[in-house]
Amino acid sequence: MNPTELQLDGAVHIAWLADGLTAIHVAAPQRSRAELDAFASIVADIALLERTVHGVRTALRDRYPGQLESQVRDHGRDAAAPYLLITLRPPRHDPDPRQVE
């Protein structure tokens, strides 16, 4: 699978067999497609080297401190195995100076 192929859920899915998981889903809400693709590429590179959920989380937190959420989720009743969801939080916006008194 192309690591930057956007799925119907708005995330990039990366095949990853480790720690009983079958995939990593990468999401970047309120970010551009280019930002999602770049982030997914970094996650894929890290996942090649880190073969545990803990290792992937640690490597990503070092690179993106305070900007990530990660959780193991399952696909539902019909799924064979859970996946790791990595979300790059939306960018922080500075308040509009015209609205601040």
N, C-alpha and C. Protein backbone atom coordinates (compact mmCIF):
# COMPACT_ATOMS: atom_id res chain seq x y z
N MET A 1 0.85 -1.18 0.00
CA MET A 1 0.00 0.00 0.00
C MET A 1 0.89 1.24 0.00
N ASN A 2 0.50 2.23 -0.74
CA ASN A 2 1.18 3.52 -0.73
C ASN A 2 0.95 4.17 0.62
N PRO A 3 2.03 4.53 1.38
CA PRO A 3 1.82 5.07 2.72
C PRO A 3 1.07 6.39 2.75
N THR A 4 0.92 7.06 1.61
CA THR A 4 0.20 8.33 1.61
C THR A 4 -1.16 8.23 0.92
N GLU A 5 -1.69 7.03 0.82
CA GLU A 5 -3.01 6.83 0.22
C GLU A 5 -4.09 7.15 1.26
N LEU A 6 -4.87 8.17 0.99
CA LEU A 6 -5.91 8.61 1.91
C LEU A 6 -7.08 7.62 1.88
N GLN A 7 -7.54 7.22 3.06
CA GLN A 7 -8.65 6.29 3.18
C GLN A 7 -9.95 7.06 3.38
N LEU A 8 -11.06 6.37 3.33
CA LEU A 8 -12.37 7.00 3.47
C LEU A 8 -12.57 7.68 4.82
N ASP A 9 -11.86 7.21 5.86
CA ASP A 9 -12.01 7.82 7.18
C ASP A 9 -11.15 9.07 7.35
N GLY A 10 -10.45 9.49 6.28
CA GLY A 10 -9.63 10.70 6.33
C GLY A 10 -8.25 10.47 6.90
N ALA A 11 -7.89 9.23 7.12
CA ALA A 11 -6.58 8.90 7.66
C ALA A 11 -5.76 8.13 6.63
N VAL A 12 -4.48 8.06 6.89
CA VAL A 12 -3.59 7.21 6.10
C VAL A 12 -3.37 5.94 6.91
N HIS A 13 -3.55 4.78 6.28
CA HIS A 13 -3.38 3.50 6.96
C HIS A 13 -2.06 2.88 6.52
N ILE A 14 -1.26 2.49 7.50
CA ILE A 14 0.04 1.88 7.23
C ILE A 14 0.00 0.46 7.78
N ALA A 15 0.27 -0.53 6.94
CA ALA A 15 0.34 -1.91 7.41
C ALA A 15 1.52 -2.03 8.37
N TRP A 16 1.28 -2.66 9.52
CA TRP A 16 2.33 -2.76 10.55
C TRP A 16 2.00 -3.93 11.45
N LEU A 17 2.78 -4.98 11.39
CA LEU A 17 2.56 -6.16 12.21
C LEU A 17 3.51 -6.13 13.39
N ALA A 18 3.02 -5.69 14.54
CA ALA A 18 3.82 -5.65 15.75
C ALA A 18 2.89 -5.53 16.95
N ASP A 19 3.30 -6.08 18.07
CA ASP A 19 2.53 -5.99 19.31
C ASP A 19 1.07 -6.43 19.12
N GLY A 20 0.81 -7.37 18.23
CA GLY A 20 -0.55 -7.85 18.01
C GLY A 20 -1.41 -6.94 17.17
N LEU A 21 -0.83 -5.90 16.59
CA LEU A 21 -1.57 -4.96 15.75
C LEU A 21 -1.33 -5.27 14.29
N THR A 22 -2.24 -4.80 13.44
CA THR A 22 -2.08 -5.03 12.00
C THR A 22 -1.83 -3.75 11.22
N ALA A 23 -1.99 -2.59 11.88
CA ALA A 23 -1.86 -1.33 11.13
C ALA A 23 -1.65 -0.16 12.08
N ILE A 24 -1.16 0.91 11.50
CA ILE A 24 -1.15 2.21 12.16
C ILE A 24 -2.00 3.13 11.29
N HIS A 25 -2.96 3.79 11.90
CA HIS A 25 -3.77 4.78 11.19
C HIS A 25 -3.26 6.15 11.62
N VAL A 26 -2.98 6.99 10.64
CA VAL A 26 -2.40 8.31 10.89
C VAL A 26 -3.42 9.36 10.49
N ALA A 27 -3.76 10.24 11.42
CA ALA A 27 -4.73 11.30 11.16
C ALA A 27 -4.12 12.65 11.52
N ALA A 28 -4.56 13.69 10.84
CA ALA A 28 -4.09 15.05 11.11
C ALA A 28 -5.25 16.01 10.84
N PRO A 29 -6.24 16.04 11.75
CA PRO A 29 -7.40 16.89 11.53
C PRO A 29 -7.03 18.37 11.46
N GLN A 30 -7.73 19.08 10.61
CA GLN A 30 -7.55 20.52 10.40
C GLN A 30 -6.15 20.86 9.90
N ARG A 31 -5.52 19.92 9.24
CA ARG A 31 -4.23 20.16 8.60
C ARG A 31 -4.37 19.84 7.12
N SER A 32 -3.46 20.36 6.33
CA SER A 32 -3.53 20.15 4.88
C SER A 32 -3.17 18.71 4.52
N ARG A 33 -3.54 18.33 3.33
CA ARG A 33 -3.19 16.99 2.83
C ARG A 33 -1.68 16.83 2.77
N ALA A 34 -0.96 17.88 2.41
CA ALA A 34 0.50 17.81 2.37
C ALA A 34 1.08 17.56 3.76
N GLU A 35 0.50 18.20 4.79
CA GLU A 35 0.97 17.98 6.16
C GLU A 35 0.68 16.54 6.61
N LEU A 36 -0.51 16.03 6.26
CA LEU A 36 -0.85 14.66 6.59
C LEU A 36 0.11 13.69 5.92
N ASP A 37 0.38 13.90 4.63
CA ASP A 37 1.29 13.02 3.90
C ASP A 37 2.69 13.03 4.50
N ALA A 38 3.18 14.21 4.84
CA ALA A 38 4.53 14.32 5.42
C ALA A 38 4.57 13.63 6.78
N PHE A 39 3.54 13.84 7.60
CA PHE A 39 3.49 13.22 8.91
C PHE A 39 3.40 11.70 8.79
N ALA A 40 2.55 11.21 7.88
CA ALA A 40 2.40 9.76 7.67
C ALA A 40 3.71 9.14 7.20
N SER A 41 4.46 9.85 6.39
CA SER A 41 5.75 9.35 5.92
C SER A 41 6.73 9.21 7.09
N ILE A 42 6.73 10.18 7.99
CA ILE A 42 7.60 10.11 9.17
C ILE A 42 7.17 8.95 10.07
N VAL A 43 5.86 8.80 10.28
CA VAL A 43 5.36 7.69 11.10
C VAL A 43 5.78 6.36 10.47
N ALA A 44 5.66 6.22 9.16
CA ALA A 44 6.04 4.98 8.48
C ALA A 44 7.53 4.70 8.65
N ASP A 45 8.36 5.72 8.53
CA ASP A 45 9.81 5.54 8.72
C ASP A 45 10.11 5.08 10.14
N ILE A 46 9.46 5.69 11.12
CA ILE A 46 9.68 5.31 12.52
C ILE A 46 9.19 3.88 12.76
N ALA A 47 8.04 3.53 12.17
CA ALA A 47 7.48 2.19 12.37
C ALA A 47 8.36 1.10 11.77
N LEU A 48 9.17 1.44 10.77
CA LEU A 48 10.11 0.46 10.23
C LEU A 48 11.20 0.11 11.24
N LEU A 49 11.58 1.08 12.04
CA LEU A 49 12.66 0.88 13.01
C LEU A 49 12.16 0.43 14.38
N GLU A 50 11.03 0.95 14.79
CA GLU A 50 10.48 0.65 16.11
C GLU A 50 9.43 -0.44 15.96
N ARG A 51 9.61 -1.53 16.65
CA ARG A 51 8.71 -2.67 16.47
C ARG A 51 7.78 -2.89 17.65
N THR A 52 7.61 -1.84 18.48
CA THR A 52 6.65 -1.90 19.58
C THR A 52 5.84 -0.61 19.60
N VAL A 53 4.64 -0.69 20.17
CA VAL A 53 3.81 0.51 20.32
C VAL A 53 4.56 1.53 21.16
N HIS A 54 5.16 1.08 22.25
CA HIS A 54 5.91 1.99 23.12
C HIS A 54 7.04 2.68 22.35
N GLY A 55 7.76 1.94 21.54
CA GLY A 55 8.86 2.52 20.76
C GLY A 55 8.39 3.57 19.77
N VAL A 56 7.28 3.29 19.09
CA VAL A 56 6.73 4.26 18.13
C VAL A 56 6.26 5.51 18.86
N ARG A 57 5.54 5.32 19.95
CA ARG A 57 5.05 6.48 20.72
C ARG A 57 6.21 7.33 21.23
N THR A 58 7.22 6.69 21.77
CA THR A 58 8.37 7.43 22.31
C THR A 58 9.09 8.22 21.22
N ALA A 59 9.34 7.59 20.09
CA ALA A 59 10.04 8.26 18.99
C ALA A 59 9.22 9.45 18.47
N LEU A 60 7.90 9.27 18.36
CA LEU A 60 7.07 10.37 17.87
C LEU A 60 6.96 11.50 18.89
N ARG A 61 6.85 11.16 20.17
CA ARG A 61 6.79 12.21 21.20
C ARG A 61 8.08 13.02 21.24
N ASP A 62 9.22 12.35 21.01
CA ASP A 62 10.49 13.08 20.96
C ASP A 62 10.51 14.08 19.81
N ARG A 63 9.93 13.69 18.69
CA ARG A 63 9.93 14.55 17.50
C ARG A 63 8.83 15.60 17.53
N TYR A 64 7.69 15.26 18.12
CA TYR A 64 6.52 16.16 18.17
C TYR A 64 6.03 16.32 19.61
N PRO A 65 6.81 16.93 20.49
CA PRO A 65 6.40 17.02 21.90
C PRO A 65 5.09 17.79 22.07
N GLY A 66 4.14 17.17 22.77
CA GLY A 66 2.87 17.81 23.08
C GLY A 66 1.92 17.98 21.91
N GLN A 67 2.24 17.39 20.75
CA GLN A 67 1.40 17.59 19.57
C GLN A 67 0.65 16.34 19.13
N LEU A 68 0.79 15.23 19.87
CA LEU A 68 0.25 13.96 19.43
C LEU A 68 -0.73 13.36 20.42
N GLU A 69 -1.59 12.53 19.88
CA GLU A 69 -2.41 11.61 20.67
C GLU A 69 -2.22 10.24 20.03
N SER A 70 -2.17 9.22 20.86
CA SER A 70 -2.08 7.87 20.31
C SER A 70 -2.89 6.92 21.18
N GLN A 71 -3.55 5.99 20.52
CA GLN A 71 -4.35 5.01 21.25
C GLN A 71 -4.53 3.77 20.40
N VAL A 72 -4.61 2.64 21.09
CA VAL A 72 -4.89 1.38 20.41
C VAL A 72 -6.41 1.25 20.33
N ARG A 73 -6.89 0.97 19.14
CA ARG A 73 -8.33 0.79 18.90
C ARG A 73 -8.54 -0.52 18.17
N ASP A 74 -9.76 -1.04 18.28
CA ASP A 74 -10.06 -2.22 17.47
C ASP A 74 -11.02 -1.82 16.36
N HIS A 75 -11.10 -2.68 15.38
CA HIS A 75 -11.91 -2.41 14.19
C HIS A 75 -13.39 -2.65 14.44
N GLY A 76 -13.74 -3.19 15.58
CA GLY A 76 -15.14 -3.53 15.85
C GLY A 76 -15.32 -5.02 15.95
N ARG A 77 -16.55 -5.44 16.00
CA ARG A 77 -16.87 -6.86 16.21
C ARG A 77 -16.28 -7.77 15.14
N ASP A 78 -16.25 -7.31 13.90
CA ASP A 78 -15.86 -8.18 12.80
C ASP A 78 -14.36 -8.14 12.50
N ALA A 79 -13.60 -7.42 13.28
CA ALA A 79 -12.19 -7.23 12.97
C ALA A 79 -11.33 -8.34 13.55
N ALA A 80 -10.24 -8.58 12.86
CA ALA A 80 -9.31 -9.60 13.31
C ALA A 80 -8.32 -9.07 14.35
N ALA A 81 -7.93 -7.81 14.25
CA ALA A 81 -6.91 -7.29 15.15
C ALA A 81 -7.05 -5.78 15.33
N PRO A 82 -6.58 -5.27 16.46
CA PRO A 82 -6.62 -3.83 16.70
C PRO A 82 -5.54 -3.09 15.90
N TYR A 83 -5.62 -1.77 15.93
CA TYR A 83 -4.65 -0.93 15.24
C TYR A 83 -4.26 0.22 16.15
N LEU A 84 -3.15 0.87 15.83
CA LEU A 84 -2.69 2.03 16.57
C LEU A 84 -3.11 3.28 15.82
N LEU A 85 -3.85 4.16 16.49
CA LEU A 85 -4.26 5.43 15.90
C LEU A 85 -3.32 6.52 16.41
N ILE A 86 -2.63 7.18 15.51
CA ILE A 86 -1.74 8.29 15.83
C ILE A 86 -2.38 9.55 15.24
N THR A 87 -2.65 10.55 16.06
CA THR A 87 -3.29 11.78 15.60
C THR A 87 -2.37 12.96 15.89
N LEU A 88 -2.07 13.72 14.85
CA LEU A 88 -1.35 14.98 15.00
C LEU A 88 -2.41 16.03 15.29
N ARG A 89 -2.33 16.62 16.47
CA ARG A 89 -3.35 17.58 16.89
C ARG A 89 -3.44 18.76 15.93
N PRO A 90 -4.61 19.38 15.84
CA PRO A 90 -4.74 20.57 14.99
C PRO A 90 -3.77 21.66 15.45
N PRO A 91 -3.31 22.47 14.51
CA PRO A 91 -2.38 23.54 14.89
C PRO A 91 -3.04 24.54 15.82
N ARG A 92 -2.24 25.09 16.70
CA ARG A 92 -2.76 26.14 17.60
C ARG A 92 -2.88 27.42 16.81
N HIS A 93 -3.94 28.15 17.10
CA HIS A 93 -4.16 29.42 16.42
C HIS A 93 -3.99 30.54 17.42
N ASP A 94 -3.30 31.57 17.00
CA ASP A 94 -3.19 32.76 17.83
C ASP A 94 -4.53 33.47 17.80
N PRO A 95 -4.95 34.01 18.93
CA PRO A 95 -6.22 34.75 18.94
C PRO A 95 -6.13 35.98 18.04
N ASP A 96 -7.25 36.33 17.49
CA ASP A 96 -7.32 37.52 16.64
C ASP A 96 -7.07 38.75 17.54
N PRO A 97 -6.03 39.52 17.26
CA PRO A 97 -5.72 40.66 18.13
C PRO A 97 -6.84 41.69 18.18
N ARG A 98 -7.69 41.71 17.18
CA ARG A 98 -8.83 42.65 17.19
C ARG A 98 -9.87 42.25 18.22
N GLN A 99 -9.89 40.95 18.59
CA GLN A 99 -10.88 40.47 19.55
C GLN A 99 -10.37 40.49 20.98
N VAL A 100 -9.07 40.68 21.17
CA VAL A 100 -8.49 40.71 22.50
C VAL A 100 -8.44 42.13 22.98
N GLU A 101 -8.96 42.38 24.16
CA GLU A 101 -8.97 43.76 24.69
C GLU A 101 -7.93 43.92 25.76
